Structure formats: C-alpha cells, structure tokens
Amino acid sequence: MTTTRTSQSVLIVTVAAALAGAIFPGSNGIAGDSSAPPDSVAPALADSPEVSENLVDAMALSDVSLGGFLFPHLHAFGVFGDSTADDIDSLASGHHDPQREATLQSLEPSVSLRAGMLEGFATASGHTDAHGTFDFGLEEGFLKLVDLPLGIELRGGQFYNRFGFQNALHNHSWMLVDQNLVNGRFLQEGEMAILGGEATIDVPLSMMQVSAISVAVGGLPSHEHDHEHEHGEEAEFEAEGANFAGTLVTANWVNQYDINDMNRLTSTLSGAWGDNMFGRETQIYGLGFEYLWRENGYGAGGQSLRWRNELMYRHFGAVSGELHEHGHEEEDHDHEHEEIGHEDEHGHHEDEDHEEEDHEHEDRYRASLDEFGLYSTLVYGFNDTWETGVRAGWVSGIDEVGLDDRFRLSPMVTWYANPTRNLLARIQYNWDHSDEFGDEHSIWFQVGMTFGGPEVR
C-alpha cells in the first residue's frame, strides 16, 4: 500500500507541476464572466457576449423558449481523476465534489419563467455519491415579483440563500472543480437552502452602481444529502450538530462600485441565524471582497482578472449526547437536574425506570464553540478560450467536535470550446493538508456542458 501511495503521489505532483507551469498564448476574444455575484441585482460587466455563427455556438440554445416566457436549461458536469487519499470522499467538502475516481457532479434540467413582473425558476439535480449511487431531487423551485416600488423584489419557495459570493451558485457556475472549504464546512456543505420567503430592497447609495439588502426567513427543505464526513474519534460533540435544523434567517448586503468601465469592486456582508441539531443556536457571519478588471470593460472581448476573497466566522452552541433533527431538545437536562418521579410512603421512588435515564442526562454538558475560515481565488482570462487561476482555502477546526485545521491549495486551467462558454474542460490539482491526515495530493479533470440562456436568480 505504501509503494502504491508513493507512486500515486509522484505521478500527481508531476502532473500538477506541469499544470502550474503551463503558459497559454493570448488571442483576441472574450473573457467571460461565468461567476458573477449571485444577487440578481449585481449583473456581470458583459452580460451578453457576441455569439459566433458556428455549430457549437448554435448548440448553446440561448434563445430557445416555450411560448416566449418559459426558458429551458440543461447542465451536465462530470469529473475524473485520482488522489493519494485512501478514501477520496473524506476530502470532499460537498456532495458535488469528486467522491471517487469518476463522479457525475450534476445533471440539472431546469426552467426559468419570465412573464413581466412575475419570474420564477425550478431545477432538479442528480449526482453520484462515493458508492456510485445516483441521487436525484429538487434543488430549487421559486417564484418572485420584480420591479416593485422602491426597488423591492419578493421571492418565495425553495431557494439557495443569498449569502456571500458562492452559496447561491450552482456548481456549473463555479470557477473551480470543487466547493470552497469554508462554504462546505459552515454552510450545509456549501448549499444553504431555505423553504420560505425573501425580500430584496435597493439601498439608495448614489456612489454605488448596486447596493441591495436581501433578508430571507423560513425552514429547511425536507431532502437531505447523503454525503458523510469523517471526524476525530475522540470528539466530545457531533460535528453535524452545528448544522441548521429549524427556523433559519439570513441577510446579505451586496455593494458594487464601478471605478470606471474596466474596473469594478464588489463587497458582501452576510449573516445567518437559526436553530441547530443540538437544540441550540448557530450563527454565521461572512465578509467578502472582489476586484474585477476587464480589458474591454462593458464591451465584449479582451483579457480579464478576478480576485475574490471571503472570510467567515461561525459560533454555535453544542450539547453532548443525541442530536435532534428538528433542532429542539426534548428536555433541558444540561442545567441542574430535577429528580423525576415521586416517593412512596417508604421513601422510595415510584418511577425507578427513570433513574438510569436521569443519570445519563446529568452527564450531558454544553459548550459554546467558534471557528474561522476563508478563501482567496485569483483567476486570469487570456481570451474567450483559456483561463487559469489558483485558490487557497483554510478552516481553523475545532478539536471538541473532531473538525481538523485544514488547508487546500488548488491551481487550475480551463479551456472553453466557444465564446458562449457552454462547453468546457478543466484540469485542477489539489494539495490538501491537515494535522489529522497530513498531506494528500489529487488531480481532477472536469468536463461540462450547459444549454440555455441566463437563469432567473
């Protein structure tokens, strides 16, 4: 086993070195904006790149509609590769991440509704897990009212919460193969969703091209992803207990400032509050900043540079013992325990069956825990065909819940088959490090295709 792992490591590091040293010559074209901020009020600098008249571009089906108000979409992404880790799934941050040598990351049929002030979106998603089992279910389904007085938008249904830059994005809009470490650990595997309502309102800041606050309230969708994480054997609390499990409230404030036609600054301030599986509360706060430069500004074509950063802080209450799916404890046994049962005339308890249970509850205890995480992504677009970049991510870990201090460095190169960027191939190397498992090296080759125009978000 040692010899096999050593040879795997040498092969992967060799390929990664070649990847990091690859240089692709530039040419005239479009540096697309496939990862714009998730808020619908923060559009891309170049929303409508020119479409060349070749067959591949025609296959994008960006103008196809049903009756002029229903617009279908289809996304399919898969990834192939290998890792020095014995269990590839243990490195995954979310259920769309590579979990074996060949993984179907997503198969997403979806549809957007545009009918005046009424808009909507619905999508289902299928993927394969670490065992190769195909899982398929509803990801989002919502309606919203737009162009209301004071710049208000109202949205209701099941949807990804607006939190920072990435949570509201589906994986076909990611800049890299896999989820950010901090999103995966803090935000329900990077896809914090809600079943409820949301209001977005424009903030009248004259110096900003966009300034909007979104607030959402509701419960969690009924479906659960089956991706499991390994944690330290000596953990005092269950790591999954920090996840939201009841009523959830989120808020997101996005600001966009265009220095000029070519340079844009975007910032996000986010918060999430709700019950967790311990029956206590989890709070998450995020602060993000992005700089975007485009050679031709609002026009199509040219090179581009995007530098995106986000810091998150999580605070949650934990309780030892069994978790509660709906975020409520049956009884609060963590304070001073009151005896259960009554005494008879001889001074004995009538309810002897509760004595052992009471003793177990007395052994339960509480803790308030904190964790930090961040990522920084730098992506340079040579033209409409080639793009390269690197991401660094870190989460601080919490010993009491068996979460390790973890770091990941990920250089990547992406090739797009056409200016509409609906067909792509991407190669990415991951160096993962933690005190728990040491160093692991992975290399991933991703292929993807998207059909249809912009989605309603």
Protein backbone atom coordinates (compact mmCIF):
# COMPACT_ATOMS: atom_id res chain seq x y z
CA MET A 1 0.00 0.00 0.00
CA THR A 2 2.87 2.40 0.85
CA THR A 3 4.52 1.81 -2.53
CA THR A 4 1.25 2.40 -4.37
CA ARG A 5 0.54 5.63 -2.49
CA THR A 6 4.11 6.86 -3.10
CA SER A 7 3.89 6.24 -6.84
CA GLN A 8 0.48 7.93 -6.94
CA SER A 9 1.91 10.95 -5.16
CA VAL A 10 4.87 11.25 -7.52
CA LEU A 11 2.58 11.00 -10.57
CA ILE A 12 0.10 13.56 -9.27
CA VAL A 13 2.75 16.04 -8.17
CA THR A 14 4.48 15.72 -11.55
CA VAL A 15 1.25 16.45 -13.41
CA ALA A 16 0.50 19.32 -11.03
CA ALA A 17 3.92 20.84 -11.64
CA ALA A 18 3.32 20.73 -15.35
CA LEU A 19 -0.09 22.31 -14.83
CA ALA A 20 1.28 25.14 -12.70
CA GLY A 21 3.95 25.88 -15.30
CA ALA A 22 1.65 25.84 -18.29
CA ILE A 23 1.52 29.11 -20.27
CA PHE A 24 -1.06 29.68 -22.94
CA PRO A 25 -0.64 32.44 -25.56
CA GLY A 26 -3.38 35.08 -25.68
CA SER A 27 -5.57 35.96 -28.61
CA ASN A 28 -8.46 38.34 -29.31
CA GLY A 29 -11.77 37.25 -27.80
CA ILE A 30 -14.00 37.38 -24.76
CA ALA A 31 -13.01 36.78 -21.18
CA GLY A 32 -16.43 35.61 -19.99
CA ASP A 33 -17.95 36.37 -16.62
CA SER A 34 -19.29 32.96 -15.66
CA SER A 35 -19.17 33.60 -11.92
CA ALA A 36 -20.87 36.93 -11.31
CA PRO A 37 -22.13 37.71 -7.79
CA PRO A 38 -25.22 35.61 -7.02
CA ASP A 39 -27.53 38.52 -6.37
CA SER A 40 -29.73 39.26 -9.38
CA VAL A 41 -29.23 42.97 -8.79
CA ALA A 42 -25.47 42.61 -9.41
CA PRO A 43 -25.19 41.84 -13.15
CA ALA A 44 -21.96 40.97 -14.95
CA LEU A 45 -19.97 43.65 -16.72
CA ALA A 46 -20.54 41.90 -20.03
CA ASP A 47 -23.87 40.12 -19.80
CA SER A 48 -24.36 39.41 -23.49
CA PRO A 49 -21.14 38.39 -25.28
CA GLU A 50 -21.31 38.18 -29.04
CA VAL A 51 -22.15 34.71 -30.29
CA SER A 52 -20.25 33.45 -33.30
CA GLU A 53 -22.20 31.67 -36.01
CA ASN A 54 -20.71 28.23 -35.76
CA LEU A 55 -22.38 24.97 -34.88
CA VAL A 56 -21.06 24.79 -31.33
CA ASP A 57 -22.41 28.24 -30.52
CA ALA A 58 -25.77 27.34 -32.00
CA MET A 59 -25.87 24.32 -29.69
CA ALA A 60 -25.96 26.69 -26.69
CA LEU A 61 -29.72 27.14 -27.31
CA SER A 62 -29.53 30.50 -25.54
CA ASP A 63 -32.56 31.90 -27.41
CA VAL A 64 -34.86 28.88 -27.11
CA SER A 65 -38.16 29.47 -25.32
CA LEU A 66 -41.58 27.90 -24.91
CA GLY A 67 -44.22 30.48 -25.72
CA GLY A 68 -41.78 33.31 -25.13
CA PHE A 69 -41.97 33.07 -21.33
CA LEU A 70 -40.54 29.65 -20.39
CA PHE A 71 -36.80 29.21 -20.99
CA PRO A 72 -35.34 25.70 -20.55
CA HIS A 73 -31.81 24.94 -19.33
CA LEU A 74 -29.70 21.80 -19.03
CA HIS A 75 -26.37 21.37 -17.25
CA ALA A 76 -24.21 18.25 -17.05
CA PHE A 77 -20.82 18.08 -15.31
CA GLY A 78 -18.56 15.15 -14.57
CA VAL A 79 -15.09 14.78 -13.12
CA PHE A 80 -12.40 12.08 -13.43
CA GLY A 81 -9.11 11.68 -11.62
CA ASP A 82 -7.37 10.19 -8.62
CA SER A 83 -5.94 11.04 -5.23
CA THR A 84 -3.31 9.75 -2.85
CA ALA A 85 -6.04 9.59 -0.19
CA ASP A 86 -7.29 6.08 0.55
CA ASP A 87 -10.81 7.48 0.84
CA ILE A 88 -11.39 10.23 -1.76
CA ASP A 89 -14.76 11.07 -0.22
CA SER A 90 -13.05 12.17 3.01
CA LEU A 91 -11.51 15.15 1.14
CA ALA A 92 -14.82 16.34 -0.33
CA SER A 93 -16.43 19.49 1.10
CA GLY A 94 -19.84 18.95 -0.52
CA HIS A 95 -21.90 16.41 -2.41
CA HIS A 96 -20.97 17.91 -5.81
CA ASP A 97 -17.24 17.44 -5.12
CA PRO A 98 -15.28 14.47 -6.53
CA GLN A 99 -16.00 11.48 -4.32
CA ARG A 100 -14.40 8.68 -6.35
CA GLU A 101 -12.25 8.21 -9.47
CA ALA A 102 -15.26 9.06 -11.68
CA THR A 103 -18.09 11.22 -10.36
CA LEU A 104 -21.20 12.62 -12.02
CA GLN A 105 -21.19 16.00 -10.31
CA SER A 106 -24.51 17.22 -11.62
CA LEU A 107 -27.23 16.56 -14.14
CA GLU A 108 -29.58 19.52 -13.86
CA PRO A 109 -32.66 20.07 -16.02
CA SER A 110 -34.23 23.42 -15.17
CA VAL A 111 -36.56 26.12 -16.46
CA SER A 112 -36.85 29.89 -15.99
CA LEU A 113 -40.11 31.83 -16.10
CA ARG A 114 -40.19 35.43 -17.36
CA ALA A 115 -43.66 36.94 -17.61
CA GLY A 116 -43.46 40.65 -16.89
CA MET A 117 -43.30 41.32 -13.17
CA LEU A 118 -43.59 37.60 -12.43
CA GLU A 119 -40.44 35.49 -12.68
CA GLY A 120 -39.57 32.01 -11.49
CA PHE A 121 -37.08 29.19 -11.56
CA ALA A 122 -37.15 25.43 -10.94
CA THR A 123 -34.37 22.87 -11.13
CA ALA A 124 -33.74 19.28 -10.14
CA SER A 125 -30.26 17.87 -9.69
CA GLY A 126 -28.76 14.41 -9.88
CA HIS A 127 -25.30 13.26 -8.82
CA THR A 128 -23.42 10.11 -7.85
CA ASP A 129 -22.05 9.56 -4.35
CA ALA A 130 -18.94 7.81 -3.07
CA HIS A 131 -20.56 4.41 -3.75
CA GLY A 132 -21.63 5.29 -7.29
CA THR A 133 -25.30 5.56 -6.29
CA PHE A 134 -27.30 8.09 -8.30
CA ASP A 135 -29.30 10.57 -6.22
CA PHE A 136 -31.86 12.89 -7.83
CA GLY A 137 -34.09 15.52 -6.27
CA LEU A 138 -35.43 19.06 -6.31
CA GLU A 139 -32.79 21.73 -5.68
CA GLU A 140 -34.78 24.93 -6.19
CA GLY A 141 -38.31 25.96 -7.07
CA PHE A 142 -39.45 29.55 -6.53
CA LEU A 143 -41.48 32.47 -7.88
CA LYS A 144 -40.65 36.14 -7.46
CA LEU A 145 -42.17 39.56 -8.12
CA VAL A 146 -39.83 42.17 -9.61
CA ASP A 147 -39.97 45.89 -10.45
CA LEU A 148 -42.00 46.70 -7.35
CA PRO A 149 -41.94 50.22 -5.80
CA LEU A 150 -38.72 51.27 -4.03
CA GLY A 151 -36.81 48.62 -5.99
CA ILE A 152 -38.28 45.77 -3.95
CA GLU A 153 -38.22 42.14 -5.08
CA LEU A 154 -40.19 39.40 -3.32
CA ARG A 155 -39.29 35.72 -3.66
CA GLY A 156 -41.00 32.64 -2.26
CA GLY A 157 -40.50 28.88 -2.46
CA GLN A 158 -37.40 26.74 -2.09
CA PHE A 159 -34.18 28.51 -2.99
CA TYR A 160 -30.48 28.90 -2.21
CA ASN A 161 -29.96 31.72 0.26
CA ARG A 162 -28.08 34.81 -0.79
CA PHE A 163 -25.00 34.53 1.39
CA GLY A 164 -21.67 35.85 0.15
CA PHE A 165 -20.44 35.15 -3.36
CA GLN A 166 -20.91 31.42 -3.84
CA ASN A 167 -23.77 29.93 -1.82
CA ALA A 168 -26.47 30.89 -4.35
CA LEU A 169 -24.48 29.49 -7.30
CA HIS A 170 -24.99 26.02 -8.73
CA ASN A 171 -21.81 24.08 -9.41
CA HIS A 172 -21.92 24.77 -13.16
CA SER A 173 -21.15 28.42 -12.29
CA TRP A 174 -18.15 27.65 -10.08
CA MET A 175 -14.72 28.85 -11.17
CA LEU A 176 -13.08 25.63 -9.91
CA VAL A 177 -13.91 21.94 -9.83
CA ASP A 178 -14.92 21.72 -6.17
CA GLN A 179 -16.50 23.66 -3.32
CA ASN A 180 -14.60 26.09 -1.10
CA LEU A 181 -13.53 24.51 2.19
CA VAL A 182 -15.22 27.16 4.33
CA ASN A 183 -18.51 27.06 2.37
CA GLY A 184 -18.58 23.29 2.62
CA ARG A 185 -17.96 23.20 6.35
CA PHE A 186 -20.06 26.18 7.51
CA LEU A 187 -22.99 26.38 5.05
CA GLN A 188 -24.65 22.96 4.94
CA GLU A 189 -21.99 21.61 2.53
CA GLY A 190 -21.95 24.90 0.64
CA GLU A 191 -25.59 24.85 -0.42
CA MET A 192 -27.57 26.51 2.35
CA ALA A 193 -31.18 26.42 1.15
CA ILE A 194 -34.46 27.58 2.64
CA LEU A 195 -38.17 26.91 2.20
CA GLY A 196 -39.76 30.27 2.83
CA GLY A 197 -39.74 33.87 1.66
CA GLU A 198 -37.25 36.60 0.85
CA ALA A 199 -37.38 40.36 0.34
CA THR A 200 -34.69 42.32 -1.51
CA ILE A 201 -34.61 46.11 -1.47
CA ASP A 202 -32.37 48.63 -3.20
CA VAL A 203 -30.36 50.83 -0.85
CA PRO A 204 -30.17 54.42 -2.16
CA LEU A 205 -26.39 54.92 -2.14
CA SER A 206 -25.61 57.28 -5.01
CA MET A 207 -21.94 56.33 -5.21
CA MET A 208 -22.78 52.64 -5.84
CA GLN A 209 -23.98 51.12 -9.10
CA VAL A 210 -25.66 48.44 -6.98
CA SER A 211 -26.48 48.35 -3.28
CA ALA A 212 -29.13 45.91 -2.10
CA ILE A 213 -30.09 44.08 1.07
CA SER A 214 -31.80 40.67 0.99
CA VAL A 215 -33.46 39.06 4.01
CA ALA A 216 -34.89 35.52 3.97
CA VAL A 217 -36.90 33.65 6.60
CA GLY A 218 -38.14 30.06 6.58
CA GLY A 219 -37.42 26.45 7.36
CA LEU A 220 -35.11 23.89 5.81
CA PRO A 221 -36.08 21.78 2.77
CA SER A 222 -37.05 18.23 3.63
CA HIS A 223 -34.44 16.46 1.48
CA GLU A 224 -31.01 15.69 2.86
CA HIS A 225 -27.78 14.92 1.04
CA ASP A 226 -26.13 11.64 1.89
CA HIS A 227 -22.54 12.84 1.86
CA GLU A 228 -20.84 11.96 5.14
CA HIS A 229 -17.66 13.37 6.69
CA GLU A 230 -15.14 11.64 8.89
CA HIS A 231 -14.23 13.33 12.17
CA GLY A 232 -11.89 12.67 15.03
CA GLU A 233 -12.65 9.59 17.11
CA GLU A 234 -12.26 11.44 20.41
CA ALA A 235 -14.72 14.24 19.61
CA GLU A 236 -16.85 15.37 22.55
CA PHE A 237 -19.66 16.65 20.30
CA GLU A 238 -21.10 15.54 16.96
CA ALA A 239 -19.83 17.83 14.18
CA GLU A 240 -23.13 17.64 12.27
CA GLY A 241 -24.90 19.12 15.29
CA ALA A 242 -23.76 22.62 14.31
CA ASN A 243 -25.81 22.44 11.08
CA PHE A 244 -29.06 24.38 10.85
CA ALA A 245 -32.08 22.24 11.62
CA GLY A 246 -35.03 24.54 12.26
CA THR A 247 -36.09 28.09 11.53
CA LEU A 248 -33.43 29.94 9.54
CA VAL A 249 -32.91 33.67 8.97
CA THR A 250 -30.30 35.02 6.54
CA ALA A 251 -29.31 38.51 5.42
CA ASN A 252 -26.98 39.63 2.67
CA TRP A 253 -25.84 43.15 1.70
CA VAL A 254 -24.10 43.48 -1.65
CA ASN A 255 -22.42 46.66 -2.89
CA GLN A 256 -20.98 47.19 -6.36
CA TYR A 257 -18.83 50.15 -7.32
CA ASP A 258 -17.53 50.67 -10.86
CA ILE A 259 -14.35 52.72 -10.70
CA ASN A 260 -14.58 53.06 -14.48
CA ASP A 261 -15.64 50.91 -17.43
CA MET A 262 -12.81 48.44 -16.85
CA ASN A 263 -12.53 48.18 -13.05
CA ARG A 264 -15.18 47.01 -10.60
CA LEU A 265 -15.22 46.49 -6.82
CA THR A 266 -17.86 44.31 -5.15
CA SER A 267 -18.35 43.62 -1.45
CA THR A 268 -20.73 41.42 0.53
CA LEU A 269 -21.73 41.36 4.19
CA SER A 270 -23.72 38.29 5.24
CA GLY A 271 -25.29 36.70 8.29
CA ALA A 272 -27.24 33.53 9.12
CA TRP A 273 -29.02 32.66 12.37
CA GLY A 274 -31.02 29.58 13.31
CA ASP A 275 -31.60 26.52 15.47
CA ASN A 276 -29.11 23.70 15.13
CA MET A 277 -29.25 19.94 15.66
CA PHE A 278 -28.04 20.33 19.24
CA GLY A 279 -31.24 22.24 20.04
CA ARG A 280 -29.25 25.43 20.45
CA GLU A 281 -28.31 28.24 18.04
CA THR A 282 -25.79 28.61 15.22
CA GLN A 283 -24.65 32.00 13.95
CA ILE A 284 -22.54 32.56 10.82
CA TYR A 285 -21.12 35.84 9.55
CA GLY A 286 -19.36 36.50 6.26
CA LEU A 287 -17.39 39.38 4.76
CA GLY A 288 -16.39 39.30 1.09
CA PHE A 289 -14.46 41.47 -1.34
CA GLU A 290 -13.84 41.13 -5.09
CA TYR A 291 -11.87 43.11 -7.66
CA LEU A 292 -12.62 42.60 -11.37
CA TRP A 293 -10.73 44.05 -14.30
CA ARG A 294 -11.79 43.63 -17.92
CA GLU A 295 -9.64 44.86 -20.77
CA ASN A 296 -12.61 46.00 -22.85
CA GLY A 297 -14.83 46.95 -19.94
CA TYR A 298 -18.53 46.67 -20.73
CA GLY A 299 -17.74 45.58 -24.30
CA ALA A 300 -17.13 42.02 -25.42
CA GLY A 301 -13.61 40.67 -25.80
CA GLY A 302 -10.30 41.18 -24.10
CA GLN A 303 -8.47 39.79 -21.12
CA SER A 304 -9.76 39.74 -17.54
CA LEU A 305 -8.58 39.42 -13.96
CA ARG A 306 -10.76 38.48 -10.99
CA TRP A 307 -9.60 38.41 -7.36
CA ARG A 308 -12.24 37.14 -4.94
CA ASN A 309 -11.88 36.84 -1.14
CA GLU A 310 -14.22 35.86 1.64
CA LEU A 311 -13.87 35.45 5.42
CA MET A 312 -16.42 33.59 7.57
CA TYR A 313 -16.92 33.18 11.31
CA ARG A 314 -19.17 30.57 12.92
CA HIS A 315 -20.38 30.46 16.52
CA PHE A 316 -22.63 27.70 17.83
CA GLY A 317 -23.84 26.08 20.99
CA ALA A 318 -23.21 22.36 21.44
CA VAL A 319 -24.66 19.69 23.72
CA SER A 320 -23.22 16.24 24.29
CA GLY A 321 -25.45 13.28 23.53
CA GLU A 322 -28.02 12.50 20.88
CA LEU A 323 -28.74 15.00 18.11
CA HIS A 324 -32.25 16.23 17.34
CA GLU A 325 -33.15 16.60 13.68
CA HIS A 326 -35.58 19.45 14.22
CA GLY A 327 -33.27 21.44 16.44
CA HIS A 328 -35.13 21.01 19.74
CA GLU A 329 -34.22 19.06 22.81
CA GLU A 330 -36.92 17.02 24.44
CA GLU A 331 -35.97 18.45 27.84
CA ASP A 332 -33.20 20.76 29.01
CA HIS A 333 -31.19 18.40 31.19
CA ASP A 334 -28.00 20.41 30.95
CA HIS A 335 -28.74 22.67 33.89
CA GLU A 336 -29.34 21.41 37.41
CA HIS A 337 -31.32 18.22 37.08
CA GLU A 338 -34.58 17.76 38.94
CA GLU A 339 -35.44 14.26 40.06
CA ILE A 340 -38.20 12.59 38.12
CA GLY A 341 -40.82 10.51 39.87
CA HIS A 342 -42.40 10.60 43.32
CA GLU A 343 -41.63 8.96 46.63
CA ASP A 344 -43.96 6.45 48.24
CA GLU A 345 -44.61 6.16 51.96
CA HIS A 346 -41.35 4.29 52.46
CA GLY A 347 -39.29 6.99 50.78
CA HIS A 348 -38.64 5.03 47.58
CA HIS A 349 -39.16 6.39 44.05
CA GLU A 350 -42.22 5.04 42.32
CA ASP A 351 -40.66 5.55 38.90
CA GLU A 352 -37.46 3.52 39.21
CA ASP A 353 -37.21 3.17 35.41
CA HIS A 354 -36.18 6.82 35.08
CA GLU A 355 -33.17 6.60 37.41
CA GLU A 356 -30.72 5.29 34.80
CA GLU A 357 -32.04 7.75 32.21
CA ASP A 358 -31.72 10.64 34.67
CA HIS A 359 -28.11 9.71 35.37
CA GLU A 360 -27.32 9.77 31.64
CA HIS A 361 -28.86 13.23 31.28
CA GLU A 362 -26.85 14.51 34.23
CA ASP A 363 -23.68 13.56 32.33
CA ARG A 364 -24.58 15.78 29.39
CA TYR A 365 -22.86 19.13 29.16
CA ARG A 366 -22.76 22.25 27.00
CA ALA A 367 -20.17 24.33 25.20
CA SER A 368 -20.08 27.44 23.03
CA LEU A 369 -17.65 26.98 20.14
CA ASP A 370 -16.13 29.18 17.43
CA GLU A 371 -14.48 28.57 14.07
CA PHE A 372 -13.00 30.73 11.32
CA GLY A 373 -12.46 30.09 7.62
CA LEU A 374 -11.51 31.93 4.47
CA TYR A 375 -10.59 31.55 0.82
CA SER A 376 -8.90 33.66 -1.83
CA THR A 377 -9.28 32.98 -5.56
CA LEU A 378 -7.33 34.63 -8.38
CA VAL A 379 -8.41 33.91 -11.97
CA TYR A 380 -6.89 35.36 -15.15
CA GLY A 381 -8.63 35.09 -18.52
CA PHE A 382 -6.30 35.15 -21.53
CA ASN A 383 -9.18 35.31 -24.01
CA ASP A 384 -12.50 33.62 -24.70
CA THR A 385 -10.81 30.19 -24.78
CA TRP A 386 -8.26 29.92 -21.97
CA GLU A 387 -8.48 30.78 -18.29
CA THR A 388 -6.16 29.91 -15.41
CA GLY A 389 -6.17 30.58 -11.71
CA VAL A 390 -5.39 29.46 -8.18
CA ARG A 391 -7.39 29.23 -4.97
CA ALA A 392 -6.18 28.99 -1.37
CA GLY A 393 -8.61 27.99 1.38
CA TRP A 394 -8.39 27.40 5.13
CA VAL A 395 -10.65 26.43 8.05
CA SER A 396 -9.45 26.65 11.64
CA GLY A 397 -11.03 23.49 13.01
CA ILE A 398 -12.48 22.66 16.47
CA ASP A 399 -10.97 19.78 18.48
CA GLU A 400 -14.09 19.30 20.62
CA VAL A 401 -16.16 18.32 17.55
CA GLY A 402 -13.38 16.50 15.69
CA LEU A 403 -13.01 19.14 12.96
CA ASP A 404 -9.42 19.48 11.82
CA ASP A 405 -7.46 22.61 10.96
CA ARG A 406 -7.28 22.22 7.18
CA PHE A 407 -5.63 23.98 4.25
CA ARG A 408 -6.06 23.48 0.49
CA LEU A 409 -4.19 24.97 -2.48
CA SER A 410 -5.75 24.50 -5.94
CA PRO A 411 -4.26 25.72 -9.24
CA MET A 412 -6.43 25.14 -12.33
CA VAL A 413 -6.61 25.69 -16.09
CA THR A 414 -9.92 25.90 -18.00
CA TRP A 415 -10.48 25.59 -21.75
CA TYR A 416 -13.73 26.78 -23.37
CA ALA A 417 -14.75 25.38 -26.73
CA ASN A 418 -16.53 28.54 -27.91
CA PRO A 419 -17.26 32.17 -26.95
CA THR A 420 -20.59 31.28 -25.33
CA ARG A 421 -18.64 29.02 -22.97
CA ASN A 422 -21.29 26.31 -22.89
CA LEU A 423 -18.70 23.54 -23.41
CA LEU A 424 -15.62 23.36 -21.19
CA ALA A 425 -12.80 21.18 -19.95
CA ARG A 426 -10.89 21.93 -16.75
CA ILE A 427 -7.88 20.40 -15.04
CA GLN A 428 -7.16 21.08 -11.36
CA TYR A 429 -4.62 19.96 -8.79
CA ASN A 430 -5.41 19.94 -5.05
CA TRP A 431 -2.88 19.87 -2.23
CA ASP A 432 -4.76 19.16 0.99
CA HIS A 433 -3.07 19.40 4.37
CA SER A 434 -4.20 18.91 7.94
CA ASP A 435 -2.67 17.66 11.18
CA GLU A 436 -5.13 14.76 11.07
CA PHE A 437 -4.25 13.21 7.69
CA GLY A 438 -1.06 15.04 6.73
CA ASP A 439 -0.62 15.76 3.02
CA GLU A 440 -2.83 14.45 0.23
CA HIS A 441 -2.49 15.18 -3.50
CA SER A 442 -5.32 14.97 -6.04
CA ILE A 443 -5.64 15.68 -9.76
CA TRP A 444 -9.05 16.20 -11.40
CA PHE A 445 -10.17 16.54 -14.99
CA GLN A 446 -13.65 18.06 -15.37
CA VAL A 447 -15.86 18.25 -18.45
CA GLY A 448 -19.10 20.18 -18.58
CA MET A 449 -21.81 21.42 -20.89
CA THR A 450 -24.59 23.95 -20.40
CA PHE A 451 -27.56 24.70 -22.62
CA GLY A 452 -29.95 27.61 -22.40
CA GLY A 453 -29.72 31.30 -21.61
CA PRO A 454 -29.27 33.10 -18.26
CA GLU A 455 -31.25 31.66 -15.36
CA VAL A 456 -33.59 33.60 -13.12
CA ARG A 457 -31.85 34.09 -9.78
